[in-house]
Structures are given as C-alpha cells and as structure tokens.
Amino acid sequence: MLKKVKFFLITIFILLISTYSFAKNDILFIDIEYIYFNSNAGKIVNEKVQSQTKKINDEFSGYNEIIKEQRGKLINQKNILSQEELQKKSIDLEKKIKEFNKIISNKNKKLNKYKNETKIEFTKKLSKVVAEYASNNSIEMIIKKDNVLIGKKELDVTKLVLDIFDKNIKSIEPN
C-alpha cells in the first residue's frame, strides 16, 4: 500500500513539473489603434485626413460667411424690394444653401470613404505582419488589446509589432 502511494505521488509530481516546464506564453495581445496612429505609414494617413478635414471645415466656414452676408443683404433690402422680388431672392438663397450643403456632404463622404479604405488596407497589412511574427515566434494566438480585461505587460507585443510594421510597410494606400 505504501509503495502504491509513493508511486502515485511521484507520478503526480512528475506530471506537474513536466506540465509547468512546457507552459509558455502562447497568447499575446497588441493595441491595433496604437499601431495605426503611431506607425510611420499611419501617421502619414492621419496627417492627410486631418489636413482634408481642416480644408473642409475652412470651406464650410467660408460658405457660412457667404450665406450670412447674403442673408444680411436680403434682410436689409426687405423694405426696398417688392414681395415677389424678395421671395425670388429668398428662394435663390435657399438653393445656394442646399448646393453648399451638398458640396460639403460629398466632400465628407469622400473623406470617410478614404478613411475606411485606408483602415481596411492597414488592417490587411497589419494582419500579414502579425501572422508572420506569430509564425516566427511560435505564438498560437495574438488578440486585440481591446478584448483583454487584465493582462501582464510582458504579454503586450504592440511595440515589437510596431517596429516590424514600420520596417516592412512604408505607406498605406487604398485600392
């Protein structure tokens, strides 16, 4: 009986040691947004988006100034113009407002389309880099940092992947 207990304890001890020795970090995580905003290619895209956004906002402000000026003129001419003439100018002003809004809306749609397409292209390129990194380092799984509730900082390979991404990817252009 004592021999069986010793054998059982030794077997469990060996299994625990061997299981512990084979355990390693096969699951890591990365912060995709950090890579997008801090990679060289991502910075170029973000600068382009910001400049286009500023350009659209400036253009919108210019349109608003033109509309305010024309409204002011129309209000000042209210007592001078006939009712028909005032209504005609009012309708023309509304048409201009709709036209300006349509122009701004189209520019915003183009900008959003560009942002979405570059984000998709970025994701494709990052996926290739991450897959290659995982393959080269025998990593079973790399998950997004957003999906991690708690994790050791040692398991975060964002900066390593960012370095590899910067070395391999120089620009991001949508198809």
N, C-alpha and C. Protein backbone atom coordinates (compact mmCIF):
# COMPACT_ATOMS: atom_id res chain seq x y z
N MET A 1 0.83 -1.19 0.00
CA MET A 1 0.00 0.00 0.00
C MET A 1 0.87 1.25 0.00
N LEU A 2 1.91 1.25 0.80
CA LEU A 2 2.82 2.38 0.88
C LEU A 2 3.54 2.60 -0.44
N LYS A 3 3.87 1.54 -1.13
CA LYS A 3 4.54 1.64 -2.42
C LYS A 3 3.61 2.27 -3.45
N LYS A 4 2.32 1.91 -3.40
CA LYS A 4 1.36 2.48 -4.33
C LYS A 4 1.19 3.98 -4.09
N VAL A 5 1.16 4.39 -2.86
CA VAL A 5 1.03 5.82 -2.52
C VAL A 5 2.26 6.57 -3.00
N LYS A 6 3.48 6.01 -2.76
CA LYS A 6 4.71 6.65 -3.22
C LYS A 6 4.71 6.77 -4.74
N PHE A 7 4.33 5.70 -5.41
CA PHE A 7 4.30 5.69 -6.87
C PHE A 7 3.31 6.75 -7.39
N PHE A 8 2.14 6.81 -6.76
CA PHE A 8 1.12 7.77 -7.14
C PHE A 8 1.62 9.21 -6.94
N LEU A 9 2.23 9.50 -5.82
CA LEU A 9 2.75 10.85 -5.53
C LEU A 9 3.88 11.23 -6.47
N ILE A 10 4.77 10.29 -6.74
CA ILE A 10 5.88 10.58 -7.67
C ILE A 10 5.34 10.85 -9.07
N THR A 11 4.36 10.06 -9.49
CA THR A 11 3.77 10.26 -10.82
C THR A 11 3.11 11.64 -10.92
N ILE A 12 2.35 12.02 -9.93
CA ILE A 12 1.71 13.35 -9.94
C ILE A 12 2.77 14.45 -9.94
N PHE A 13 3.79 14.30 -9.15
CA PHE A 13 4.87 15.29 -9.07
C PHE A 13 5.55 15.45 -10.43
N ILE A 14 5.85 14.36 -11.08
CA ILE A 14 6.50 14.41 -12.41
C ILE A 14 5.57 15.07 -13.43
N LEU A 15 4.30 14.73 -13.39
CA LEU A 15 3.35 15.34 -14.32
C LEU A 15 3.23 16.84 -14.09
N LEU A 16 3.20 17.26 -12.85
CA LEU A 16 3.11 18.69 -12.56
C LEU A 16 4.36 19.43 -13.03
N ILE A 17 5.50 18.87 -12.81
CA ILE A 17 6.75 19.51 -13.22
C ILE A 17 6.83 19.58 -14.74
N SER A 18 6.48 18.49 -15.41
CA SER A 18 6.57 18.50 -16.87
C SER A 18 5.55 19.45 -17.48
N THR A 19 4.36 19.54 -16.93
CA THR A 19 3.35 20.46 -17.42
C THR A 19 3.81 21.90 -17.22
N TYR A 20 4.38 22.19 -16.09
CA TYR A 20 4.84 23.54 -15.80
C TYR A 20 6.00 23.92 -16.71
N SER A 21 6.90 23.00 -16.96
CA SER A 21 8.07 23.32 -17.78
C SER A 21 7.70 23.55 -19.24
N PHE A 22 6.60 22.96 -19.72
CA PHE A 22 6.20 23.16 -21.10
C PHE A 22 5.30 24.38 -21.29
N ALA A 23 4.82 24.95 -20.20
CA ALA A 23 3.95 26.11 -20.30
C ALA A 23 4.76 27.32 -20.71
N LYS A 24 4.25 28.03 -21.70
CA LYS A 24 4.88 29.28 -22.10
C LYS A 24 3.80 30.20 -22.63
N ASN A 25 4.18 31.41 -22.93
CA ASN A 25 3.21 32.40 -23.38
C ASN A 25 2.90 32.19 -24.85
N ASP A 26 1.82 31.48 -25.10
CA ASP A 26 1.39 31.25 -26.48
C ASP A 26 0.29 32.21 -26.89
N ILE A 27 -0.17 33.03 -25.95
CA ILE A 27 -1.21 34.00 -26.23
C ILE A 27 -0.69 35.38 -25.84
N LEU A 28 -0.66 36.27 -26.82
CA LEU A 28 -0.18 37.63 -26.61
C LEU A 28 -1.26 38.61 -27.08
N PHE A 29 -1.05 39.90 -26.83
CA PHE A 29 -2.01 40.87 -27.33
C PHE A 29 -1.30 42.10 -27.87
N ILE A 30 -2.02 42.80 -28.78
CA ILE A 30 -1.49 44.04 -29.36
C ILE A 30 -2.58 45.11 -29.37
N ASP A 31 -2.15 46.35 -29.36
CA ASP A 31 -3.05 47.50 -29.43
C ASP A 31 -3.04 48.01 -30.87
N ILE A 32 -4.05 47.66 -31.62
CA ILE A 32 -4.12 47.99 -33.04
C ILE A 32 -4.21 49.50 -33.26
N GLU A 33 -5.00 50.18 -32.45
CA GLU A 33 -5.14 51.64 -32.60
C GLU A 33 -3.80 52.34 -32.37
N TYR A 34 -3.05 51.87 -31.39
CA TYR A 34 -1.73 52.46 -31.12
C TYR A 34 -0.84 52.32 -32.34
N ILE A 35 -0.85 51.15 -32.94
CA ILE A 35 -0.03 50.92 -34.14
C ILE A 35 -0.52 51.80 -35.28
N TYR A 36 -1.83 51.92 -35.43
CA TYR A 36 -2.39 52.73 -36.52
C TYR A 36 -1.97 54.20 -36.39
N PHE A 37 -2.04 54.73 -35.18
CA PHE A 37 -1.74 56.15 -35.00
C PHE A 37 -0.24 56.44 -34.82
N ASN A 38 0.57 55.44 -34.51
CA ASN A 38 1.99 55.69 -34.24
C ASN A 38 2.94 55.09 -35.27
N SER A 39 2.44 54.30 -36.19
CA SER A 39 3.32 53.78 -37.24
C SER A 39 3.60 54.91 -38.23
N ASN A 40 4.70 54.81 -38.93
CA ASN A 40 5.06 55.84 -39.91
C ASN A 40 3.99 55.97 -40.99
N ALA A 41 3.53 54.84 -41.51
CA ALA A 41 2.50 54.86 -42.56
C ALA A 41 1.18 55.40 -42.00
N GLY A 42 0.85 55.02 -40.78
CA GLY A 42 -0.38 55.50 -40.16
C GLY A 42 -0.34 57.00 -39.90
N LYS A 43 0.81 57.51 -39.51
CA LYS A 43 0.94 58.95 -39.29
C LYS A 43 0.71 59.73 -40.57
N ILE A 44 1.24 59.21 -41.68
CA ILE A 44 1.05 59.88 -42.97
C ILE A 44 -0.43 59.94 -43.33
N VAL A 45 -1.13 58.81 -43.15
CA VAL A 45 -2.57 58.76 -43.45
C VAL A 45 -3.32 59.73 -42.54
N ASN A 46 -3.00 59.72 -41.26
CA ASN A 46 -3.72 60.58 -40.31
C ASN A 46 -3.47 62.05 -40.58
N GLU A 47 -2.25 62.41 -40.97
CA GLU A 47 -1.96 63.80 -41.33
C GLU A 47 -2.78 64.22 -42.54
N LYS A 48 -2.87 63.33 -43.51
CA LYS A 48 -3.66 63.62 -44.72
C LYS A 48 -5.13 63.80 -44.36
N VAL A 49 -5.65 62.94 -43.51
CA VAL A 49 -7.05 63.03 -43.09
C VAL A 49 -7.29 64.34 -42.33
N GLN A 50 -6.37 64.68 -41.43
CA GLN A 50 -6.53 65.92 -40.67
C GLN A 50 -6.48 67.15 -41.56
N SER A 51 -5.57 67.15 -42.54
CA SER A 51 -5.49 68.31 -43.43
C SER A 51 -6.75 68.43 -44.28
N GLN A 52 -7.27 67.29 -44.75
CA GLN A 52 -8.51 67.31 -45.54
C GLN A 52 -9.69 67.78 -44.68
N THR A 53 -9.73 67.32 -43.44
CA THR A 53 -10.80 67.73 -42.52
C THR A 53 -10.74 69.24 -42.29
N LYS A 54 -9.54 69.75 -42.08
CA LYS A 54 -9.36 71.19 -41.87
C LYS A 54 -9.78 71.96 -43.11
N LYS A 55 -9.41 71.46 -44.27
CA LYS A 55 -9.77 72.11 -45.53
C LYS A 55 -11.29 72.16 -45.69
N ILE A 56 -11.97 71.05 -45.39
CA ILE A 56 -13.43 71.01 -45.49
C ILE A 56 -14.06 71.97 -44.49
N ASN A 57 -13.54 71.99 -43.27
CA ASN A 57 -14.08 72.90 -42.25
C ASN A 57 -13.88 74.35 -42.64
N ASP A 58 -12.71 74.67 -43.21
CA ASP A 58 -12.46 76.04 -43.66
C ASP A 58 -13.40 76.41 -44.80
N GLU A 59 -13.61 75.49 -45.71
CA GLU A 59 -14.52 75.73 -46.82
C GLU A 59 -15.94 75.93 -46.32
N PHE A 60 -16.34 75.12 -45.34
CA PHE A 60 -17.66 75.25 -44.75
C PHE A 60 -17.82 76.61 -44.07
N SER A 61 -16.79 77.03 -43.37
CA SER A 61 -16.82 78.35 -42.72
C SER A 61 -16.96 79.46 -43.76
N GLY A 62 -16.24 79.32 -44.87
CA GLY A 62 -16.35 80.29 -45.95
C GLY A 62 -17.76 80.34 -46.52
N TYR A 63 -18.36 79.17 -46.72
CA TYR A 63 -19.73 79.12 -47.21
C TYR A 63 -20.68 79.80 -46.22
N ASN A 64 -20.48 79.52 -44.94
CA ASN A 64 -21.33 80.13 -43.92
C ASN A 64 -21.23 81.65 -43.94
N GLU A 65 -20.03 82.16 -44.12
CA GLU A 65 -19.84 83.61 -44.19
C GLU A 65 -20.58 84.19 -45.40
N ILE A 66 -20.47 83.53 -46.54
CA ILE A 66 -21.17 83.99 -47.75
C ILE A 66 -22.68 84.01 -47.51
N ILE A 67 -23.21 82.95 -46.91
CA ILE A 67 -24.65 82.84 -46.65
C ILE A 67 -25.09 83.92 -45.68
N LYS A 68 -24.32 84.13 -44.60
CA LYS A 68 -24.67 85.18 -43.63
C LYS A 68 -24.69 86.54 -44.30
N GLU A 69 -23.70 86.79 -45.12
CA GLU A 69 -23.62 88.08 -45.82
C GLU A 69 -24.82 88.27 -46.74
N GLN A 70 -25.17 87.24 -47.49
CA GLN A 70 -26.30 87.35 -48.41
C GLN A 70 -27.63 87.47 -47.66
N ARG A 71 -27.75 86.77 -46.52
CA ARG A 71 -28.96 86.89 -45.70
C ARG A 71 -29.08 88.32 -45.17
N GLY A 72 -27.94 88.85 -44.71
CA GLY A 72 -27.96 90.23 -44.20
C GLY A 72 -28.39 91.22 -45.27
N LYS A 73 -27.86 91.05 -46.48
CA LYS A 73 -28.26 91.93 -47.59
C LYS A 73 -29.75 91.80 -47.87
N LEU A 74 -30.22 90.56 -47.84
CA LEU A 74 -31.62 90.31 -48.13
C LEU A 74 -32.51 90.96 -47.06
N ILE A 75 -32.11 90.85 -45.81
CA ILE A 75 -32.88 91.47 -44.72
C ILE A 75 -32.87 92.99 -44.87
N ASN A 76 -31.72 93.55 -45.22
CA ASN A 76 -31.63 95.00 -45.41
C ASN A 76 -32.48 95.48 -46.58
N GLN A 77 -32.65 94.66 -47.59
CA GLN A 77 -33.43 95.04 -48.77
C GLN A 77 -34.92 94.69 -48.62
N LYS A 78 -35.28 94.17 -47.46
CA LYS A 78 -36.65 93.71 -47.22
C LYS A 78 -37.68 94.82 -47.49
N ASN A 79 -37.40 96.02 -47.02
CA ASN A 79 -38.35 97.13 -47.18
C ASN A 79 -38.27 97.76 -48.57
N ILE A 80 -37.15 97.57 -49.26
CA ILE A 80 -36.95 98.19 -50.56
C ILE A 80 -37.54 97.34 -51.68
N LEU A 81 -37.36 96.02 -51.59
CA LEU A 81 -37.80 95.11 -52.66
C LEU A 81 -39.29 94.81 -52.57
N SER A 82 -39.86 94.47 -53.72
CA SER A 82 -41.25 94.03 -53.74
C SER A 82 -41.32 92.63 -53.14
N GLN A 83 -42.51 92.24 -52.79
CA GLN A 83 -42.72 90.92 -52.16
C GLN A 83 -42.26 89.80 -53.10
N GLU A 84 -42.55 89.93 -54.38
CA GLU A 84 -42.17 88.90 -55.36
C GLU A 84 -40.66 88.81 -55.49
N GLU A 85 -40.01 89.97 -55.58
CA GLU A 85 -38.55 90.01 -55.71
C GLU A 85 -37.89 89.45 -54.46
N LEU A 86 -38.40 89.78 -53.30
CA LEU A 86 -37.87 89.29 -52.03
C LEU A 86 -38.01 87.77 -51.96
N GLN A 87 -39.15 87.28 -52.37
CA GLN A 87 -39.38 85.83 -52.35
C GLN A 87 -38.45 85.12 -53.33
N LYS A 88 -38.25 85.71 -54.49
CA LYS A 88 -37.37 85.12 -55.50
C LYS A 88 -35.93 85.05 -54.98
N LYS A 89 -35.46 86.13 -54.37
CA LYS A 89 -34.10 86.16 -53.82
C LYS A 89 -33.96 85.20 -52.64
N SER A 90 -35.03 85.08 -51.89
CA SER A 90 -35.04 84.15 -50.76
C SER A 90 -34.93 82.70 -51.24
N ILE A 91 -35.66 82.39 -52.29
CA ILE A 91 -35.60 81.04 -52.89
C ILE A 91 -34.21 80.77 -53.46
N ASP A 92 -33.63 81.78 -54.13
CA ASP A 92 -32.27 81.63 -54.66
C ASP A 92 -31.27 81.37 -53.55
N LEU A 93 -31.44 82.06 -52.44
CA LEU A 93 -30.54 81.87 -51.29
C LEU A 93 -30.68 80.46 -50.73
N GLU A 94 -31.89 79.98 -50.63
CA GLU A 94 -32.11 78.61 -50.14
C GLU A 94 -31.48 77.58 -51.08
N LYS A 95 -31.56 77.84 -52.39
CA LYS A 95 -30.92 76.94 -53.36
C LYS A 95 -29.40 76.92 -53.16
N LYS A 96 -28.82 78.09 -52.93
CA LYS A 96 -27.37 78.17 -52.68
C LYS A 96 -26.99 77.41 -51.42
N ILE A 97 -27.82 77.54 -50.39
CA ILE A 97 -27.55 76.83 -49.13
C ILE A 97 -27.57 75.33 -49.37
N LYS A 98 -28.58 74.86 -50.09
CA LYS A 98 -28.67 73.42 -50.39
C LYS A 98 -27.47 72.96 -51.22
N GLU A 99 -27.07 73.79 -52.17
CA GLU A 99 -25.92 73.46 -53.02
C GLU A 99 -24.64 73.38 -52.19
N PHE A 100 -24.43 74.36 -51.31
CA PHE A 100 -23.25 74.34 -50.44
C PHE A 100 -23.26 73.11 -49.53
N ASN A 101 -24.42 72.81 -48.96
CA ASN A 101 -24.52 71.64 -48.08
C ASN A 101 -24.23 70.35 -48.84
N LYS A 102 -24.70 70.29 -50.08
CA LYS A 102 -24.45 69.10 -50.90
C LYS A 102 -22.96 68.95 -51.19
N ILE A 103 -22.30 70.06 -51.51
CA ILE A 103 -20.85 70.03 -51.78
C ILE A 103 -20.09 69.55 -50.55
N ILE A 104 -20.41 70.12 -49.40
CA ILE A 104 -19.73 69.73 -48.15
C ILE A 104 -20.03 68.28 -47.82
N SER A 105 -21.27 67.87 -48.00
CA SER A 105 -21.64 66.48 -47.73
C SER A 105 -20.87 65.51 -48.62
N ASN A 106 -20.74 65.83 -49.90
CA ASN A 106 -19.99 64.97 -50.82
C ASN A 106 -18.51 64.89 -50.42
N LYS A 107 -17.94 66.01 -50.02
CA LYS A 107 -16.54 66.00 -49.60
C LYS A 107 -16.35 65.18 -48.33
N ASN A 108 -17.30 65.28 -47.40
CA ASN A 108 -17.22 64.47 -46.18
C ASN A 108 -17.37 62.99 -46.49
N LYS A 109 -18.24 62.65 -47.44
CA LYS A 109 -18.41 61.24 -47.84
C LYS A 109 -17.12 60.70 -48.45
N LYS A 110 -16.49 61.50 -49.31
CA LYS A 110 -15.23 61.08 -49.92
C LYS A 110 -14.15 60.88 -48.85
N LEU A 111 -14.09 61.78 -47.90
CA LEU A 111 -13.11 61.67 -46.83
C LEU A 111 -13.36 60.43 -45.97
N ASN A 112 -14.62 60.19 -45.62
CA ASN A 112 -14.96 59.00 -44.84
C ASN A 112 -14.66 57.72 -45.61
N LYS A 113 -14.92 57.73 -46.91
CA LYS A 113 -14.61 56.57 -47.74
C LYS A 113 -13.10 56.32 -47.75
N TYR A 114 -12.33 57.39 -47.89
CA TYR A 114 -10.87 57.27 -47.86
C TYR A 114 -10.40 56.72 -46.52
N LYS A 115 -10.96 57.25 -45.41
CA LYS A 115 -10.57 56.76 -44.08
C LYS A 115 -10.89 55.27 -43.93
N ASN A 116 -12.07 54.87 -44.36
CA ASN A 116 -12.47 53.46 -44.25
C ASN A 116 -11.58 52.56 -45.10
N GLU A 117 -11.31 52.99 -46.33
CA GLU A 117 -10.48 52.17 -47.22
C GLU A 117 -9.05 52.05 -46.71
N THR A 118 -8.50 53.14 -46.18
CA THR A 118 -7.14 53.07 -45.65
C THR A 118 -7.10 52.22 -44.38
N LYS A 119 -8.15 52.28 -43.59
CA LYS A 119 -8.21 51.45 -42.37
C LYS A 119 -8.26 49.97 -42.75
N ILE A 120 -9.01 49.64 -43.78
CA ILE A 120 -9.09 48.26 -44.26
C ILE A 120 -7.73 47.80 -44.79
N GLU A 121 -7.09 48.65 -45.58
CA GLU A 121 -5.77 48.31 -46.13
C GLU A 121 -4.74 48.17 -45.00
N PHE A 122 -4.81 49.05 -44.01
CA PHE A 122 -3.94 48.96 -42.85
C PHE A 122 -4.14 47.63 -42.13
N THR A 123 -5.39 47.25 -41.94
CA THR A 123 -5.69 46.00 -41.24
C THR A 123 -5.15 44.80 -42.01
N LYS A 124 -5.28 44.83 -43.33
CA LYS A 124 -4.73 43.72 -44.14
C LYS A 124 -3.22 43.62 -43.96
N LYS A 125 -2.54 44.75 -44.06
CA LYS A 125 -1.08 44.73 -43.95
C LYS A 125 -0.64 44.36 -42.54
N LEU A 126 -1.35 44.86 -41.54
CA LEU A 126 -1.01 44.51 -40.16
C LEU A 126 -1.24 43.03 -39.90
N SER A 127 -2.29 42.49 -40.46
CA SER A 127 -2.57 41.06 -40.29
C SER A 127 -1.43 40.20 -40.83
N LYS A 128 -0.89 40.59 -41.98
CA LYS A 128 0.24 39.85 -42.54
C LYS A 128 1.46 39.94 -41.63
N VAL A 129 1.73 41.13 -41.11
CA VAL A 129 2.88 41.32 -40.22
C VAL A 129 2.70 40.51 -38.94
N VAL A 130 1.50 40.55 -38.38
CA VAL A 130 1.22 39.82 -37.13
C VAL A 130 1.30 38.32 -37.37
N ALA A 131 0.77 37.85 -38.49
CA ALA A 131 0.83 36.42 -38.81
C ALA A 131 2.28 35.96 -38.95
N GLU A 132 3.08 36.76 -39.61
CA GLU A 132 4.49 36.42 -39.76
C GLU A 132 5.21 36.41 -38.41
N TYR A 133 4.91 37.39 -37.57
CA TYR A 133 5.50 37.46 -36.23
C TYR A 133 5.11 36.23 -35.41
N ALA A 134 3.83 35.88 -35.45
CA ALA A 134 3.34 34.72 -34.70
C ALA A 134 4.00 33.44 -35.20
N SER A 135 4.12 33.32 -36.49
CA SER A 135 4.73 32.13 -37.08
C SER A 135 6.21 32.02 -36.69
N ASN A 136 6.93 33.12 -36.78
CA ASN A 136 8.35 33.11 -36.46
C ASN A 136 8.64 32.87 -34.99
N ASN A 137 7.69 33.23 -34.12
CA ASN A 137 7.91 33.11 -32.68
C ASN A 137 7.06 32.02 -32.02
N SER A 138 6.47 31.16 -32.83
CA SER A 138 5.64 30.05 -32.34
C SER A 138 4.55 30.52 -31.38
N ILE A 139 3.88 31.56 -31.77
CA ILE A 139 2.78 32.10 -30.96
C ILE A 139 1.48 31.51 -31.50
N GLU A 140 0.67 31.01 -30.59
CA GLU A 140 -0.58 30.39 -31.02
C GLU A 140 -1.67 31.42 -31.29
N MET A 141 -1.69 32.49 -30.49
CA MET A 141 -2.78 33.44 -30.63
C MET A 141 -2.31 34.84 -30.24
N ILE A 142 -2.70 35.82 -31.05
CA ILE A 142 -2.50 37.22 -30.72
C ILE A 142 -3.86 37.88 -30.82
N ILE A 143 -4.28 38.50 -29.73
CA ILE A 143 -5.61 39.13 -29.70
C ILE A 143 -5.49 40.63 -29.53
N LYS A 144 -6.59 41.33 -29.85
CA LYS A 144 -6.61 42.78 -29.71
C LYS A 144 -6.62 43.16 -28.23
N LYS A 145 -5.90 44.21 -27.92
CA LYS A 145 -5.83 44.68 -26.53
C LYS A 145 -7.21 45.09 -26.02
N ASP A 146 -8.07 45.56 -26.91
CA ASP A 146 -9.42 45.95 -26.52
C ASP A 146 -10.20 44.80 -25.91
N ASN A 147 -9.86 43.57 -26.30
CA ASN A 147 -10.57 42.39 -25.81
C ASN A 147 -9.94 41.79 -24.56
N VAL A 148 -8.90 42.44 -24.03
CA VAL A 148 -8.22 41.93 -22.84
C VAL A 148 -8.68 42.74 -21.64
N LEU A 149 -9.17 42.04 -20.64
CA LEU A 149 -9.59 42.72 -19.42
C LEU A 149 -8.38 42.99 -18.53
N ILE A 150 -7.59 41.97 -18.28
CA ILE A 150 -6.37 42.08 -17.48
C ILE A 150 -5.30 41.22 -18.14
N GLY A 151 -4.11 41.77 -18.24
CA GLY A 151 -3.00 41.01 -18.82
C GLY A 151 -1.67 41.57 -18.36
N LYS A 152 -0.71 40.70 -18.28
CA LYS A 152 0.63 41.14 -17.91
C LYS A 152 1.21 42.02 -19.01
N LYS A 153 1.97 43.01 -18.61
CA LYS A 153 2.59 43.90 -19.60
C LYS A 153 3.55 43.14 -20.50
N GLU A 154 4.11 42.06 -20.00
CA GLU A 154 5.04 41.26 -20.80
C GLU A 154 4.35 40.58 -21.98
N LEU A 155 3.04 40.44 -21.90
CA LEU A 155 2.29 39.79 -22.96
C LEU A 155 1.88 40.78 -24.06
N ASP A 156 2.09 42.06 -23.82
CA ASP A 156 1.78 43.10 -24.80
C ASP A 156 2.96 43.25 -25.76
N VAL A 157 2.77 42.86 -27.02
CA VAL A 157 3.84 42.93 -28.01
C VAL A 157 3.59 44.04 -29.03
N THR A 158 2.84 45.04 -28.63
CA THR A 158 2.49 46.14 -29.53
C THR A 158 3.72 46.81 -30.11
N LYS A 159 4.67 47.15 -29.26
CA LYS A 159 5.85 47.89 -29.73
C LYS A 159 6.73 47.04 -30.64
N LEU A 160 6.82 45.75 -30.35
CA LEU A 160 7.59 44.86 -31.23
C LEU A 160 6.94 44.79 -32.61
N VAL A 161 5.63 44.63 -32.62
CA VAL A 161 4.91 44.55 -33.89
C VAL A 161 4.98 45.89 -34.62
N LEU A 162 4.92 46.99 -33.87
CA LEU A 162 5.04 48.33 -34.48
C LEU A 162 6.39 48.48 -35.18
N ASP A 163 7.45 48.03 -34.54
CA ASP A 163 8.78 48.12 -35.15
C ASP A 163 8.84 47.30 -36.45
N ILE A 164 8.30 46.09 -36.41
CA ILE A 164 8.29 45.24 -37.60
C ILE A 164 7.43 45.87 -38.69
N PHE A 165 6.28 46.41 -38.29
CA PHE A 165 5.37 47.05 -39.24
C PHE A 165 6.07 48.24 -39.92
N ASP A 166 6.77 49.06 -39.14
CA ASP A 166 7.47 50.22 -39.71
C ASP A 166 8.58 49.80 -40.66
N LYS A 167 9.24 48.70 -40.36
CA LYS A 167 10.31 48.22 -41.24
C LYS A 167 9.77 47.71 -42.57
N ASN A 168 8.62 47.04 -42.52
CA ASN A 168 8.09 46.38 -43.71
C ASN A 168 7.09 47.21 -44.51
N ILE A 169 6.35 48.09 -43.86
CA ILE A 169 5.29 48.84 -44.52
C ILE A 169 5.64 50.32 -44.51
N LYS A 170 5.80 50.86 -45.71
CA LYS A 170 6.20 52.28 -45.83
C LYS A 170 5.01 53.19 -46.06
N SER A 171 3.95 52.69 -46.68
CA SER A 171 2.79 53.53 -46.93
C SER A 171 1.51 52.68 -46.97
N ILE A 172 0.40 53.35 -46.78
CA ILE A 172 -0.90 52.69 -46.85
C ILE A 172 -1.73 53.46 -47.87
N GLU A 173 -2.06 52.82 -48.95
CA GLU A 173 -2.90 53.44 -49.97
C GLU A 173 -4.07 52.53 -50.26
N PRO A 174 -5.27 53.08 -50.24
CA PRO A 174 -6.43 52.23 -50.54
C PRO A 174 -6.43 51.80 -52.00
N ASN A 175 -7.06 50.67 -52.25
CA ASN A 175 -7.14 50.14 -53.62
C ASN A 175 -8.10 50.92 -54.48
